[in-house]
Every structure is written in C-alpha cells, then in structure tokens.
Amino acid sequence: MERFLKKIFVENFQRKLIAILSAVCIWFFVHSSITATRTFTHVPIRVVNLVADKTVRGLMPNGILDRKLTLTLTGNRDVIEKLEPGDFEVVIDAAGKPDEWIVQVAKKNLVSLNPDIDLIHSVSSLSQNEFVLRLSKQLTDKVPIYITHPKGEPPEGYQFLDIWPQKLSQIVSGPEEDVKALQAKGIELTFDLNDITLEELNSLAAHETVQGDEVSFNVPDSWKKVQIPFLHAMKQEINGPEAKNLHIDFLRKDLIALDCDVPVRVFYPRATASTINPVTSPLVPTNGIVEKDQLYALTIPLYVNDVSRLFLDIVRNHIEVEIIAARKEPHEPLQVSVEFVDPQALEEEYVQLLLSSSKDMIGSQQSQREQALRIRFREYMQRFSLLSEKGKPFQLKAFFEPSGIVVKGFE
C-alpha cells in the first residue's frame, strides 16, 4: 500500500505538478472566455461637470436625466448574468462640450454602482447607443402659485370663506425654456377641506379674536408643497415669503339674533308718483310694524345667518326693509327687499377693523388682504337675508288697499 501511494504522489512529481497547474490554467482561461450577452432597459444617465450657468432639460436635482437608455452588454458570463438593473449607470462628462453634441455611449461611460462588480474588465463590448444632448441656460426666477378653490367640505357647523393669500410665489431653478413656460402658466395649489377636523376649528374658535366667529386655520407646513412639472412633478416646499401667512378662513355657522327694530320704508317710483305717492298710498301701521316719530319699523324678533357677528355689528343700524310701491293687481303682493344704507362706509369700517389686526403685513400683502376683505364683505351683503326665529326665510307681504299700503302677514 505504501509503495502504491508513493508511486502515485512521489514518482514523476514534477510532471504531475505541471500537469495539474496546466489543467487549472486551461480551466481558468476557458471559463473566463465564456461570454454572455444581455439587454438592460431603463439604464440611468448621469451628467457631470456642467458649467455653472448651464443645465440639461430633464435633469433631476440628483444629476440624473429623466430619460433612460437601453443597452446590450457582452462580457464575462458570471458578471453579465449577475448584473441587476440598478447595478450600473451611464455617466456623461459635459466638460468642454458645445451646447449640442451627439453622445456615443462606450464602455468608458459605464460606472458600476455595486462595489463587487468590475464592469471595466468584465464587459467586452456594448451595443452602439447614441443620442443628442443639448445644454440650456440655467435660470433661477420667481414662478407664481395660484390658490384654487378647495375641494372637499368643511367640518359640520362651519362654512368656507376664503384662502389668503390667494397668490404665492416659488423660486425655481431649471432650464430657461421650462422656467419661462412655467412662469406663463403658473402653478396651481388646491387644498382639501376634508383634511381639517372639527376639533381643530372648535379649538381655534374658542380663542376670542376680533373676527369673533370668523376662524382662521393656519395651513400646516406639510401642506405647503408644490409640484414642479419639468422635474417629474417632484414636490418642493414653497419658498416664497407669502407662504408664512397662508391660512384658510371659515365662518362658524349660527343663528344670530338681530336685536334691533328694522326701519320700513316705501319707495314710490317717479313714473307713477302722480297716482301712487305717500299721500294717496301711505304705509298703514299693523301688527309687527309700529310708527314712531313719523318713521315705521319692524318690531318682531328677527335673525340672520351666513354672516359673521362682526359684520352684523357694523351693519345692524344701517338695515332697512324697502317696499316698492309699483302698480300691482289688488291680490298681488308688492315687491319687498332688504337694503343697506351707505354700504361703502360700512365696507370701509369692516375692512379697516380687520386690517388693524394684521399689522405685520406690508406693501402688496396689505393691498391684497384689503381686496380679499372687501370681496368677503360684499359676499356677506349678497347673501344677507332676514330669518324667523326658526331659521326660516322671513318674508313681509304688503298689498295695496283703499287705506294705503297694508302689511297683512309675515312668512
């Protein structure tokens, strides 16, 4: 047995060692020479060494283009078969290049993102792949943000009033063509009222303010983001200074007692004044309408809603009910409307009172806020109506009678 083993391992030792090493070398070279070919889609393209005032359309903030390549690689089978789509990228060096050139992707452009893979020595060739790369002027400028009407519904018991400011701005950097196109179009920002809870508004309403039941909800920073279209709709935090004051205003709905007598006046059109006038058709006092100092007034309890208490406090003593004494058939009720006396002065008082609580605003912000408050006041006036104690619309019914204009009932 010993002689047998000696014959196998000792005799002709040098020849056997050379044979073994030769076999290993042959196996290694044969194995290394086995190649494979695979096609990879969605290969990312990174652009480096751009000059400071240049960029490429579609270039993301991380330096990757929004376009992808399809490459066919040939090389060592073990490496090619092990490659994953995210293991490498194509890197284009823009140093010293003209504003437009044809990029020819070669092996030198392949960069491994996997430290365990050596692409330079493992890839023998790749399919010819070329594309045109154009440089654009890098522009940093202000883009307008327009606040649109919100979607969703406010919490129960509250009514949406408005959003202020309605226009913000965003400092955007990118290709000149894209930035200018975005400036012309602007960016829209829409909030969802369903994201605001009843508890949040009730908590705000509990703190007494000059507005009373006009509640301001400060928009959270997490909502102050906009999508930049040429950056694949990537969201950016709003960086314009106006966003600091961004808030949504609500009205806490309630039935508010008017708590005053309402003057009643008859308007006699000039066209029929010869036959219908204060002498021929005077207003006749009835239940609910009393005469005092030659003036008439409604004395029944009346209510309002859909307006704020502050608004009501300002206009309360400037409201009147007007009966229009136009010719009607005996059974037809006369037209009746609720009017405001000197509405311009009332609007000015309302606006200045609310502006006085926003002294931190300056310049255009003050002007925009003033305009928004004037619009709100006019909307309050448009939807103002008198209600009964049950919250139903109040209607005064007046008719021509031989004795004059008589109010026969209320609804």
Protein backbone atom coordinates (compact mmCIF):
# COMPACT_ATOMS: atom_id res chain seq x y z
CA MET A 1 0.00 0.00 0.00
CA GLU A 2 2.80 2.35 0.90
CA ARG A 3 4.54 1.58 -2.35
CA PHE A 4 1.34 2.21 -4.25
CA LEU A 5 0.79 5.62 -2.69
CA LYS A 6 4.44 6.52 -3.23
CA LYS A 7 4.11 5.62 -6.88
CA ILE A 8 1.05 7.85 -7.26
CA PHE A 9 2.23 11.00 -5.43
CA VAL A 10 6.06 10.88 -5.45
CA GLU A 11 7.21 9.30 -8.68
CA ASN A 12 7.43 11.86 -11.51
CA PHE A 13 6.26 14.56 -9.07
CA GLN A 14 7.38 17.45 -11.23
CA ARG A 15 5.49 16.24 -14.30
CA LYS A 16 2.33 15.62 -12.34
CA LEU A 17 2.51 19.11 -10.75
CA ILE A 18 3.00 20.73 -14.13
CA ALA A 19 0.04 18.78 -15.48
CA ILE A 20 -2.19 19.90 -12.62
CA LEU A 21 -1.18 23.57 -12.98
CA SER A 22 -1.69 23.36 -16.72
CA ALA A 23 -5.18 21.95 -16.22
CA VAL A 24 -6.06 24.70 -13.77
CA CYS A 25 -4.81 27.38 -16.12
CA ILE A 26 -6.67 25.89 -19.07
CA TRP A 27 -9.87 25.69 -16.99
CA PHE A 28 -9.46 29.31 -15.84
CA PHE A 29 -8.86 30.70 -19.32
CA VAL A 30 -11.64 28.63 -20.84
CA HIS A 31 -14.05 29.66 -18.09
CA SER A 32 -13.08 33.31 -18.44
CA SER A 33 -13.53 33.20 -22.16
CA ILE A 34 -17.17 32.10 -21.85
CA THR A 35 -19.24 35.21 -22.60
CA ALA A 36 -22.86 36.15 -22.35
CA THR A 37 -24.97 38.92 -23.83
CA ARG A 38 -27.88 40.65 -22.08
CA THR A 39 -30.04 43.66 -22.80
CA PHE A 40 -30.73 46.11 -19.98
CA THR A 41 -33.57 48.63 -20.14
CA HIS A 42 -34.09 51.80 -18.10
CA VAL A 43 -30.39 52.39 -17.57
CA PRO A 44 -30.00 55.78 -15.77
CA ILE A 45 -27.91 58.56 -17.32
CA ARG A 46 -25.90 60.88 -15.08
CA VAL A 47 -24.47 64.14 -16.41
CA VAL A 48 -21.41 65.55 -14.65
CA ASN A 49 -19.13 68.59 -14.92
CA LEU A 50 -21.77 71.01 -16.21
CA VAL A 51 -20.68 74.65 -16.13
CA ALA A 52 -22.43 76.78 -13.51
CA ASP A 53 -24.82 78.58 -15.87
CA LYS A 54 -25.78 75.55 -17.96
CA THR A 55 -28.11 72.62 -17.45
CA VAL A 56 -29.92 69.96 -19.46
CA ARG A 57 -33.68 69.76 -19.91
CA GLY A 58 -34.96 66.83 -17.91
CA LEU A 59 -32.03 66.86 -15.47
CA MET A 60 -33.18 65.97 -11.97
CA PRO A 61 -31.70 67.59 -8.85
CA ASN A 62 -29.66 64.41 -8.24
CA GLY A 63 -27.90 64.81 -11.60
CA ILE A 64 -29.86 62.01 -13.33
CA LEU A 65 -31.71 62.62 -16.60
CA ASP A 66 -35.39 61.79 -16.79
CA ARG A 67 -34.69 59.74 -19.94
CA LYS A 68 -33.35 56.17 -19.76
CA LEU A 69 -31.19 54.07 -22.07
CA THR A 70 -31.47 50.53 -23.36
CA LEU A 71 -28.04 48.88 -23.59
CA THR A 72 -26.93 45.44 -24.73
CA LEU A 73 -23.78 44.33 -22.89
CA THR A 74 -21.45 41.47 -23.82
CA GLY A 75 -18.86 40.19 -21.39
CA ASN A 76 -17.91 37.66 -18.76
CA ARG A 77 -20.85 35.35 -18.28
CA ASP A 78 -20.63 35.30 -14.47
CA VAL A 79 -20.67 39.08 -14.30
CA ILE A 80 -23.29 39.65 -17.01
CA GLU A 81 -25.67 37.11 -15.53
CA LYS A 82 -25.21 38.54 -12.06
CA LEU A 83 -25.86 42.16 -13.10
CA GLU A 84 -29.08 43.76 -11.85
CA PRO A 85 -30.71 46.82 -13.46
CA GLY A 86 -29.63 49.09 -10.59
CA ASP A 87 -26.01 47.90 -10.53
CA PHE A 88 -24.68 50.43 -13.03
CA GLU A 89 -25.33 53.74 -14.76
CA VAL A 90 -24.08 55.69 -17.74
CA VAL A 91 -22.04 58.80 -16.84
CA ILE A 92 -21.67 61.58 -19.42
CA ASP A 93 -18.93 64.16 -18.92
CA ALA A 94 -20.13 67.58 -20.17
CA ALA A 95 -16.82 69.34 -19.57
CA GLY A 96 -15.74 71.33 -22.62
CA LYS A 97 -18.67 70.18 -24.71
CA PRO A 98 -20.64 72.50 -27.05
CA ASP A 99 -24.29 73.42 -26.42
CA GLU A 100 -25.33 70.45 -28.57
CA TRP A 101 -23.46 67.26 -29.33
CA ILE A 102 -24.02 63.60 -30.13
CA VAL A 103 -23.23 61.37 -27.20
CA GLN A 104 -21.81 57.97 -28.12
CA VAL A 105 -22.02 55.63 -25.17
CA ALA A 106 -18.90 53.48 -24.80
CA LYS A 107 -17.52 51.12 -22.20
CA LYS A 108 -15.74 54.00 -20.50
CA ASN A 109 -19.11 55.57 -19.74
CA LEU A 110 -20.26 52.58 -17.66
CA VAL A 111 -19.95 53.10 -13.92
CA SER A 112 -20.62 50.27 -11.50
CA LEU A 113 -22.82 51.09 -8.51
CA ASN A 114 -22.07 47.67 -7.00
CA PRO A 115 -18.60 47.51 -5.38
CA ASP A 116 -18.44 43.76 -6.06
CA ILE A 117 -18.70 44.19 -9.83
CA ASP A 118 -15.84 45.37 -12.05
CA LEU A 119 -17.52 46.44 -15.29
CA ILE A 120 -14.42 47.84 -16.99
CA HIS A 121 -12.67 44.46 -17.04
CA SER A 122 -15.80 42.33 -17.33
CA VAL A 123 -17.59 43.96 -20.27
CA SER A 124 -16.04 43.37 -23.63
CA SER A 125 -18.48 45.35 -25.77
CA LEU A 126 -21.84 47.06 -25.79
CA SER A 127 -24.33 47.90 -28.47
CA GLN A 128 -23.77 51.21 -30.20
CA ASN A 129 -26.09 53.68 -28.50
CA GLU A 130 -26.08 57.38 -29.23
CA PHE A 131 -28.33 60.33 -28.57
CA VAL A 132 -28.28 64.12 -28.83
CA LEU A 133 -27.63 66.10 -25.67
CA ARG A 134 -28.47 69.80 -25.63
CA LEU A 135 -27.39 72.27 -22.99
CA SER A 136 -29.74 75.02 -21.86
CA LYS A 137 -29.17 78.20 -19.94
CA GLN A 138 -29.73 77.71 -16.21
CA LEU A 139 -32.38 80.16 -14.96
CA THR A 140 -33.43 80.87 -11.38
CA ASP A 141 -36.54 83.00 -11.13
CA LYS A 142 -39.87 83.51 -9.38
CA VAL A 143 -42.90 81.49 -10.51
CA PRO A 144 -46.47 82.41 -9.41
CA ILE A 145 -48.54 79.94 -7.37
CA TYR A 146 -52.31 80.30 -7.67
CA ILE A 147 -54.51 79.01 -4.85
CA THR A 148 -57.59 77.40 -6.38
CA HIS A 149 -60.96 76.82 -4.74
CA PRO A 150 -60.51 73.96 -2.28
CA LYS A 151 -62.08 70.57 -2.74
CA GLY A 152 -63.99 68.67 -0.08
CA GLU A 153 -66.34 70.01 2.56
CA PRO A 154 -65.59 71.90 5.78
CA PRO A 155 -66.43 70.29 9.13
CA GLU A 156 -70.08 70.39 10.15
CA GLY A 157 -71.13 73.74 11.55
CA TYR A 158 -68.58 75.72 9.53
CA GLN A 159 -68.69 77.45 6.18
CA PHE A 160 -65.70 78.08 3.94
CA LEU A 161 -65.00 81.78 3.41
CA ASP A 162 -61.73 82.18 1.56
CA ILE A 163 -57.99 81.47 1.47
CA TRP A 164 -55.39 84.14 1.91
CA PRO A 165 -53.05 84.89 0.26
CA GLN A 166 -54.57 83.60 -2.97
CA LYS A 167 -51.29 84.06 -4.81
CA LEU A 168 -47.89 82.86 -3.66
CA SER A 169 -44.51 82.56 -5.36
CA GLN A 170 -41.84 79.91 -5.76
CA ILE A 171 -38.18 80.41 -6.60
CA VAL A 172 -37.47 77.75 -9.24
CA SER A 173 -34.20 76.77 -10.93
CA GLY A 174 -34.01 74.90 -14.21
CA PRO A 175 -33.66 75.21 -17.99
CA GLU A 176 -34.62 78.67 -19.20
CA GLU A 177 -37.30 77.28 -21.57
CA ASP A 178 -39.02 75.30 -18.80
CA VAL A 179 -38.87 78.07 -16.17
CA LYS A 180 -40.32 80.67 -18.55
CA ALA A 181 -43.09 78.31 -19.67
CA LEU A 182 -43.96 77.66 -16.02
CA GLN A 183 -43.97 81.39 -15.28
CA ALA A 184 -46.51 81.97 -18.04
CA LYS A 185 -48.76 79.16 -16.82
CA GLY A 186 -48.18 79.32 -13.09
CA ILE A 187 -48.54 76.53 -10.54
CA GLU A 188 -51.91 75.60 -9.08
CA LEU A 189 -52.28 74.57 -5.45
CA THR A 190 -55.51 73.02 -4.17
CA PHE A 191 -56.26 72.15 -0.56
CA ASP A 192 -58.70 69.51 0.68
CA LEU A 193 -61.10 70.75 3.37
CA ASN A 194 -61.75 67.15 4.38
CA ASP A 195 -58.28 67.15 5.95
CA ILE A 196 -59.38 69.73 8.55
CA THR A 197 -61.09 68.33 11.61
CA LEU A 198 -63.97 69.74 13.62
CA GLU A 199 -61.81 69.61 16.76
CA GLU A 200 -59.19 71.84 15.14
CA LEU A 201 -61.71 74.53 14.19
CA ASN A 202 -63.51 74.36 17.52
CA SER A 203 -60.20 74.86 19.28
CA LEU A 204 -59.48 77.94 17.17
CA ALA A 205 -62.98 79.31 17.67
CA ALA A 206 -62.60 79.01 21.44
CA HIS A 207 -59.96 81.75 21.38
CA GLU A 208 -61.63 85.12 21.18
CA THR A 209 -60.46 87.28 18.28
CA VAL A 210 -61.59 90.48 16.68
CA GLN A 211 -63.34 88.43 14.00
CA GLY A 212 -65.38 86.53 16.58
CA ASP A 213 -66.83 83.66 14.58
CA GLU A 214 -64.53 84.11 11.58
CA VAL A 215 -61.99 81.35 12.24
CA SER A 216 -58.54 81.34 10.61
CA PHE A 217 -56.88 77.95 10.11
CA ASN A 218 -53.14 78.30 9.55
CA VAL A 219 -52.08 75.95 6.75
CA PRO A 220 -49.53 73.41 8.09
CA ASP A 221 -46.04 73.38 6.57
CA SER A 222 -46.65 69.83 5.35
CA TRP A 223 -49.35 71.24 3.00
CA LYS A 224 -47.11 73.99 1.63
CA LYS A 225 -45.63 71.97 -1.23
CA VAL A 226 -45.99 72.30 -4.99
CA GLN A 227 -45.15 70.05 -7.92
CA ILE A 228 -42.63 71.23 -10.48
CA PRO A 229 -43.70 69.69 -13.83
CA PHE A 230 -40.30 69.64 -15.52
CA LEU A 231 -38.86 67.82 -12.50
CA HIS A 232 -41.22 64.88 -12.98
CA ALA A 233 -43.77 66.58 -10.71
CA MET A 234 -41.32 66.40 -7.83
CA LYS A 235 -42.75 68.25 -4.83
CA GLN A 236 -40.87 71.19 -3.38
CA GLU A 237 -41.56 73.16 -0.23
CA ILE A 238 -42.92 76.61 -1.04
CA ASN A 239 -40.06 79.05 -0.51
CA GLY A 240 -41.85 82.35 -1.23
CA PRO A 241 -42.22 84.68 1.81
CA GLU A 242 -46.00 84.95 1.35
CA ALA A 243 -46.49 81.32 2.42
CA LYS A 244 -45.76 82.28 6.02
CA ASN A 245 -49.20 83.89 6.35
CA LEU A 246 -51.14 81.25 4.39
CA HIS A 247 -54.43 80.45 6.10
CA ILE A 248 -57.97 79.28 5.36
CA ASP A 249 -60.86 81.28 6.83
CA PHE A 250 -64.12 79.70 7.95
CA LEU A 251 -67.37 81.08 9.30
CA ARG A 252 -68.85 79.33 12.30
CA LYS A 253 -72.49 78.98 11.29
CA ASP A 254 -75.06 80.11 13.84
CA LEU A 255 -78.47 81.73 14.02
CA ILE A 256 -77.77 85.25 15.29
CA ALA A 257 -80.45 87.48 16.76
CA LEU A 258 -80.73 90.86 15.04
CA ASP A 259 -81.66 92.51 18.37
CA CYS A 260 -82.99 95.75 16.88
CA ASP A 261 -86.00 97.22 15.18
CA VAL A 262 -85.71 97.37 11.40
CA PRO A 263 -86.90 100.54 9.65
CA VAL A 264 -89.53 100.02 6.96
CA ARG A 265 -89.68 102.46 4.06
CA VAL A 266 -91.85 102.69 0.98
CA PHE A 267 -90.23 103.57 -2.32
CA TYR A 268 -92.54 105.39 -4.72
CA PRO A 269 -91.31 105.13 -8.34
CA ARG A 270 -91.19 108.51 -10.11
CA ALA A 271 -93.10 107.14 -13.13
CA THR A 272 -96.29 106.61 -11.10
CA ALA A 273 -95.83 109.30 -8.45
CA SER A 274 -98.88 111.27 -9.64
CA THR A 275 -101.23 108.46 -8.56
CA ILE A 276 -99.15 106.42 -6.12
CA ASN A 277 -97.42 108.57 -3.51
CA PRO A 278 -97.16 109.00 0.29
CA VAL A 279 -100.48 110.88 0.32
CA THR A 280 -102.57 108.51 -1.81
CA SER A 281 -100.93 105.28 -0.66
CA PRO A 282 -99.28 105.72 2.76
CA LEU A 283 -97.92 102.83 4.78
CA VAL A 284 -100.51 101.74 7.31
CA PRO A 285 -99.20 100.52 10.72
CA THR A 286 -100.24 96.95 11.57
CA ASN A 287 -99.20 94.22 13.97
CA GLY A 288 -95.45 93.98 13.83
CA ILE A 289 -94.99 97.41 12.22
CA VAL A 290 -95.16 100.45 14.51
CA GLU A 291 -94.96 104.16 13.84
CA LYS A 292 -92.69 106.35 15.93
CA ASP A 293 -91.64 109.92 15.12
CA GLN A 294 -93.16 109.59 11.64
CA LEU A 295 -90.98 106.52 11.00
CA TYR A 296 -92.05 102.91 10.64
CA ALA A 297 -90.19 99.87 11.91
CA LEU A 298 -90.48 96.09 12.23
CA THR A 299 -90.56 95.16 15.90
CA ILE A 300 -90.83 91.36 15.63
CA PRO A 301 -87.80 89.18 16.53
CA LEU A 302 -85.60 88.61 13.51
CA TYR A 303 -82.44 86.59 12.94
CA VAL A 304 -79.65 86.18 10.40
CA ASN A 305 -77.08 83.53 9.48
CA ASP A 306 -74.35 83.03 6.87
CA VAL A 307 -72.68 86.23 8.08
CA SER A 308 -70.29 86.96 10.91
CA ARG A 309 -71.17 88.73 14.14
CA LEU A 310 -68.64 91.41 13.31
CA PHE A 311 -70.37 92.09 10.00
CA LEU A 312 -73.76 92.24 11.74
CA ASP A 313 -72.45 94.57 14.44
CA ILE A 314 -71.29 97.00 11.75
CA VAL A 315 -74.41 96.93 9.53
CA ARG A 316 -77.11 96.37 12.18
CA ASN A 317 -78.21 100.01 12.39
CA HIS A 318 -77.98 100.52 8.64
CA ILE A 319 -80.52 97.89 7.55
CA GLU A 320 -83.96 98.78 6.23
CA VAL A 321 -86.84 96.94 4.61
CA GLU A 322 -87.99 98.63 1.43
CA ILE A 323 -91.48 98.16 -0.03
CA ILE A 324 -91.65 99.11 -3.70
CA ALA A 325 -94.97 100.81 -4.43
CA ALA A 326 -95.23 99.80 -8.07
CA ARG A 327 -98.67 99.31 -9.61
CA LYS A 328 -100.00 95.80 -8.88
CA GLU A 329 -103.30 93.97 -9.03
CA PRO A 330 -105.16 94.02 -5.69
CA HIS A 331 -104.33 90.40 -4.95
CA GLU A 332 -100.64 90.69 -5.89
CA PRO A 333 -98.11 91.36 -3.09
CA LEU A 334 -95.72 94.24 -3.56
CA GLN A 335 -92.04 93.62 -4.06
CA VAL A 336 -90.02 93.83 -0.84
CA SER A 337 -86.24 93.95 -0.43
CA VAL A 338 -83.70 94.33 2.35
CA GLU A 339 -81.31 97.23 1.75
CA PHE A 340 -78.16 98.64 3.36
CA VAL A 341 -77.78 102.37 3.90
CA ASP A 342 -74.35 103.77 2.92
CA PRO A 343 -72.79 100.38 2.13
CA GLN A 344 -69.44 101.94 1.08
CA ALA A 345 -68.90 103.40 4.54
CA LEU A 346 -69.88 100.10 6.16
CA GLU A 347 -67.44 98.21 3.94
CA GLU A 348 -64.65 100.62 4.84
CA GLU A 349 -65.28 100.20 8.56
CA TYR A 350 -65.27 96.40 8.26
CA VAL A 351 -62.06 96.32 6.20
CA GLN A 352 -60.13 98.78 8.34
CA LEU A 353 -61.09 97.00 11.55
CA LEU A 354 -59.77 93.67 10.27
CA LEU A 355 -56.67 95.20 8.69
CA SER A 356 -55.76 96.75 12.03
CA SER A 357 -55.32 93.23 13.41
CA SER A 358 -52.82 92.36 10.65
CA LYS A 359 -50.14 94.98 11.18
CA ASP A 360 -47.33 92.58 10.25
CA MET A 361 -48.27 92.84 6.55
CA ILE A 362 -46.61 95.40 4.35
CA GLY A 363 -46.77 96.64 0.76
CA SER A 364 -48.51 94.36 -1.72
CA GLN A 365 -49.55 91.94 1.03
CA GLN A 366 -51.59 94.69 2.72
CA SER A 367 -53.19 95.61 -0.59
CA GLN A 368 -54.07 92.00 -1.45
CA ARG A 369 -55.50 91.41 2.01
CA GLU A 370 -57.61 94.53 1.76
CA GLN A 371 -59.03 93.41 -1.57
CA ALA A 372 -59.86 89.96 -0.17
CA LEU A 373 -61.70 91.51 2.80
CA ARG A 374 -63.71 93.78 0.52
CA ILE A 375 -64.79 90.77 -1.53
CA ARG A 376 -65.80 88.95 1.66
CA PHE A 377 -67.86 91.92 2.88
CA ARG A 378 -69.71 92.15 -0.44
CA GLU A 379 -70.42 88.42 -0.39
CA TYR A 380 -71.88 88.82 3.10
CA MET A 381 -74.14 91.58 1.76
CA GLN A 382 -75.26 89.49 -1.22
CA ARG A 383 -76.32 86.52 0.87
CA PHE A 384 -77.75 88.56 3.75
CA SER A 385 -81.38 87.73 4.50
CA LEU A 386 -83.72 88.06 7.43
CA LEU A 387 -84.92 84.88 9.13
CA SER A 388 -87.62 83.92 11.58
CA GLU A 389 -86.76 82.50 14.97
CA LYS A 390 -86.98 79.01 13.45
CA GLY A 391 -84.33 79.88 10.90
CA LYS A 392 -86.79 80.04 8.01
CA PRO A 393 -86.66 82.91 5.48
CA PHE A 394 -88.66 85.91 6.65
CA GLN A 395 -91.00 87.44 4.07
CA LEU A 396 -93.09 90.56 4.55
CA LYS A 397 -96.30 90.62 2.47
CA ALA A 398 -97.67 94.04 1.59
CA PHE A 399 -100.68 94.92 -0.60
CA PHE A 400 -102.44 97.97 -1.96
CA GLU A 401 -105.65 98.68 -0.01
CA PRO A 402 -108.03 101.68 -0.18
CA SER A 403 -106.48 102.98 3.03
CA GLY A 404 -102.94 102.65 1.73
CA ILE A 405 -100.20 100.02 1.76
CA VAL A 406 -101.02 97.36 4.31
CA VAL A 407 -98.81 94.58 5.60
CA LYS A 408 -101.09 91.59 6.00
CA GLY A 409 -98.72 88.90 7.10
CA PHE A 410 -95.23 87.58 7.56
CA GLU A 411 -93.70 84.31 6.48
